[in-house]
Protein backbone atom coordinates (compact mmCIF):
# COMPACT_ATOMS: atom_id res chain seq x y z
CA UNK A 1 87.86 195.48 100.45
CA UNK A 2 89.36 198.93 100.85
CA UNK A 3 90.80 200.55 103.97
CA UNK A 4 91.92 204.10 104.55
CA UNK A 5 93.40 204.92 107.95
CA UNK A 6 91.47 202.16 109.69
CA UNK A 7 88.13 202.92 108.03
CA UNK A 8 87.16 200.12 105.69
CA UNK A 9 84.41 199.58 103.15
CA UNK A 10 83.59 197.15 100.39
CA UNK A 11 83.35 197.70 96.67
CA UNK A 12 81.10 195.36 94.73
CA UNK A 13 80.60 195.79 90.99
CA UNK A 14 81.99 199.34 91.18
CA UNK A 15 79.61 200.44 93.96
CA UNK A 16 80.52 201.45 97.53
CA UNK A 17 79.07 199.62 100.53
CA UNK A 18 79.96 201.29 103.83
CA UNK A 19 77.84 200.01 106.75
CA UNK A 20 80.02 201.69 109.41
CA UNK A 21 79.56 205.16 107.93
CA UNK A 22 75.84 204.48 107.47
CA UNK A 23 75.52 203.75 111.21
CA UNK A 24 77.41 206.91 112.21
CA UNK A 25 75.57 209.17 109.78
CA UNK A 26 72.13 207.60 110.34
CA UNK A 27 71.71 207.50 106.56
CA UNK A 28 71.28 204.53 104.26
CA UNK A 29 72.88 206.19 101.23
CA UNK A 30 76.14 204.30 101.73
CA UNK A 31 74.89 201.09 100.14
CA UNK A 32 75.43 200.66 96.39
CA UNK A 33 76.66 204.26 96.21
CA UNK A 34 78.39 205.21 92.96
CA UNK A 35 81.91 206.63 93.09
CA UNK A 36 80.56 209.80 91.46
CA UNK A 37 79.14 210.73 94.90
CA UNK A 38 82.54 210.29 96.58
CA UNK A 39 83.33 213.44 98.60
CA UNK A 40 79.98 215.05 97.73
CA UNK A 41 77.84 216.71 100.44
CA UNK A 42 79.94 215.52 103.38
CA UNK A 43 80.43 211.95 102.16
CA UNK A 44 83.87 210.39 102.66
CA UNK A 45 86.17 210.84 99.68
CA UNK A 46 86.36 207.19 98.68
CA UNK A 47 87.66 207.59 95.12
CA UNK A 48 91.33 208.51 95.84
CA UNK A 49 91.63 205.59 98.27
CA UNK A 50 91.00 203.00 95.58
CA UNK A 51 94.81 202.68 95.42
CA UNK A 52 94.47 200.52 98.55
CA UNK A 53 92.06 197.99 96.98
CA UNK A 54 92.61 194.38 98.00
CA UNK A 55 90.65 191.58 96.37
CA UNK A 56 89.15 189.09 98.80
């Protein structure tokens, strides 16, 4: 689980799963998204926030 300023998402097997952002953006591209798309075309910049990773 990762959180950045109150916005949280999950990382599973190196992929991003962000249901909250998917609801807001009306897009389903936030499930199993690779970190290579972090910050691309208006997506949140997930990659730098990996410093806050907490294993659950």
